[in-house]
Amino acid sequence: MTINGVSQTSGQQRLVDIAPSGDKLQVGIRDRKPGSDWVNVVVPAESLLTVLTEKPTGPQAIPGDDATLVAEIRRNEVQLAIGTADAAVGLDDLMDAVGSVLPS
């Protein structure tokens, strides 16, 4: 599932892609421009869900297969970063996206 976001460092519109990858989740961040590069990471679904539901203070590093996803909850917004790529998305939108790709 794809959700709209905005880079907090550049102000550019971004897309955040959430897809299943076995018992894990693939999270990708890319520009809205067609053909633009994107970065992604495969993280444990349970780790991301824990951050989203418990809403800990400050940035939370979620180690992935090849990189680390950093997620920070700010009221009703989630700041996501993979390396230098970042996007802020709505908490409800991200929860819906994660819920829609997890097996029932």
Protein backbone atom coordinates (compact mmCIF):
# COMPACT_ATOMS: atom_id res chain seq x y z
CA MET A 1 0.00 0.00 0.00
CA THR A 2 1.27 3.47 -0.83
CA ILE A 3 0.66 6.55 1.31
CA ASN A 4 1.54 10.20 0.78
CA GLY A 5 4.19 11.92 2.85
CA VAL A 6 6.42 14.97 2.95
CA SER A 7 10.16 15.16 3.54
CA GLN A 8 10.84 17.12 6.71
CA THR A 9 14.34 18.01 5.49
CA SER A 10 13.60 19.15 1.92
CA GLY A 11 9.84 19.79 1.89
CA GLN A 12 9.43 17.55 -1.17
CA GLN A 13 6.41 15.32 -1.50
CA ARG A 14 7.23 11.67 -0.91
CA LEU A 15 5.53 8.31 -1.22
CA VAL A 16 5.89 5.63 1.44
CA ASP A 17 5.32 2.07 0.26
CA ILE A 18 4.38 -0.68 2.71
CA ALA A 19 4.39 -4.28 1.46
CA PRO A 20 4.51 -7.74 3.04
CA SER A 21 7.76 -9.69 2.92
CA GLY A 22 7.11 -13.04 4.56
CA ASP A 23 6.52 -12.34 8.26
CA LYS A 24 8.20 -8.95 7.86
CA LEU A 25 7.33 -5.64 6.23
CA GLN A 26 9.09 -3.87 3.39
CA VAL A 27 9.05 -0.11 3.92
CA GLY A 28 10.12 2.12 1.05
CA ILE A 29 10.49 5.89 0.67
CA ARG A 30 10.61 7.59 -2.73
CA ASP A 31 9.98 10.91 -4.43
CA ARG A 32 6.70 11.43 -6.25
CA LYS A 33 8.56 11.96 -9.54
CA PRO A 34 8.15 8.96 -11.86
CA GLY A 35 11.36 6.97 -12.17
CA SER A 36 12.93 8.47 -9.06
CA ASP A 37 15.22 6.38 -6.89
CA TRP A 38 13.85 4.93 -3.72
CA VAL A 39 15.24 3.30 -0.63
CA ASN A 40 13.67 0.44 1.23
CA VAL A 41 14.24 -1.79 4.19
CA VAL A 42 12.66 -5.03 5.38
CA VAL A 43 11.88 -4.87 9.11
CA PRO A 44 10.11 -7.18 11.56
CA ALA A 45 6.39 -6.33 11.46
CA GLU A 46 6.09 -6.74 15.23
CA SER A 47 8.85 -4.19 15.88
CA LEU A 48 7.18 -1.53 13.74
CA LEU A 49 3.76 -2.25 15.25
CA THR A 50 5.19 -1.94 18.76
CA VAL A 51 6.56 1.53 17.99
CA LEU A 52 3.28 2.62 16.40
CA THR A 53 1.07 1.39 19.23
CA GLU A 54 3.23 2.19 22.26
CA LYS A 55 4.35 5.60 20.90
CA PRO A 56 7.69 5.84 22.74
CA THR A 57 9.35 9.24 23.06
CA GLY A 58 12.08 10.14 20.57
CA PRO A 59 13.42 8.39 17.48
CA GLN A 60 13.25 4.59 17.55
CA ALA A 61 15.70 2.54 15.47
CA ILE A 62 14.21 -0.62 13.97
CA PRO A 63 17.01 -2.79 12.55
CA GLY A 64 16.22 -4.28 9.17
CA ASP A 65 17.83 -6.76 6.84
CA ASP A 66 20.09 -4.26 5.02
CA ALA A 67 19.46 -0.93 6.75
CA THR A 68 17.75 0.63 9.75
CA LEU A 69 14.33 2.27 9.78
CA VAL A 70 14.08 5.16 12.21
CA ALA A 71 10.54 6.03 13.31
CA GLU A 72 9.50 8.87 15.57
CA ILE A 73 5.91 9.51 16.66
CA ARG A 74 5.01 13.20 16.88
CA ARG A 75 1.39 13.50 18.04
CA ASN A 76 -0.59 12.23 15.02
CA GLU A 77 2.38 12.13 12.64
CA VAL A 78 5.18 9.61 12.12
CA GLN A 79 8.59 10.70 10.91
CA LEU A 80 10.25 7.84 9.00
CA ALA A 81 13.86 7.75 7.83
CA ILE A 82 15.98 5.21 6.01
CA GLY A 83 19.48 6.60 5.74
CA THR A 84 19.09 10.14 4.38
CA ALA A 85 15.63 9.55 2.86
CA ASP A 86 12.82 10.75 5.10
CA ALA A 87 9.07 11.22 5.03
CA ALA A 88 6.46 12.35 7.52
CA VAL A 89 3.13 10.53 7.25
CA GLY A 90 -0.08 10.47 9.25
CA LEU A 91 -0.12 7.96 12.11
CA ASP A 92 -3.59 6.69 11.16
CA ASP A 93 -2.58 6.34 7.49
CA LEU A 94 0.51 4.33 8.43
CA MET A 95 -1.43 2.11 10.85
CA ASP A 96 -4.03 1.44 8.11
CA ALA A 97 -1.29 0.62 5.58
CA VAL A 98 0.49 -1.77 7.95
CA GLY A 99 -2.80 -3.42 8.93
CA SER A 100 -3.84 -3.87 5.29
CA VAL A 101 -0.70 -5.80 4.30
CA LEU A 102 -0.39 -8.07 7.34
CA PRO A 103 -1.98 -11.50 7.09
CA SER A 104 -5.25 -11.82 9.01
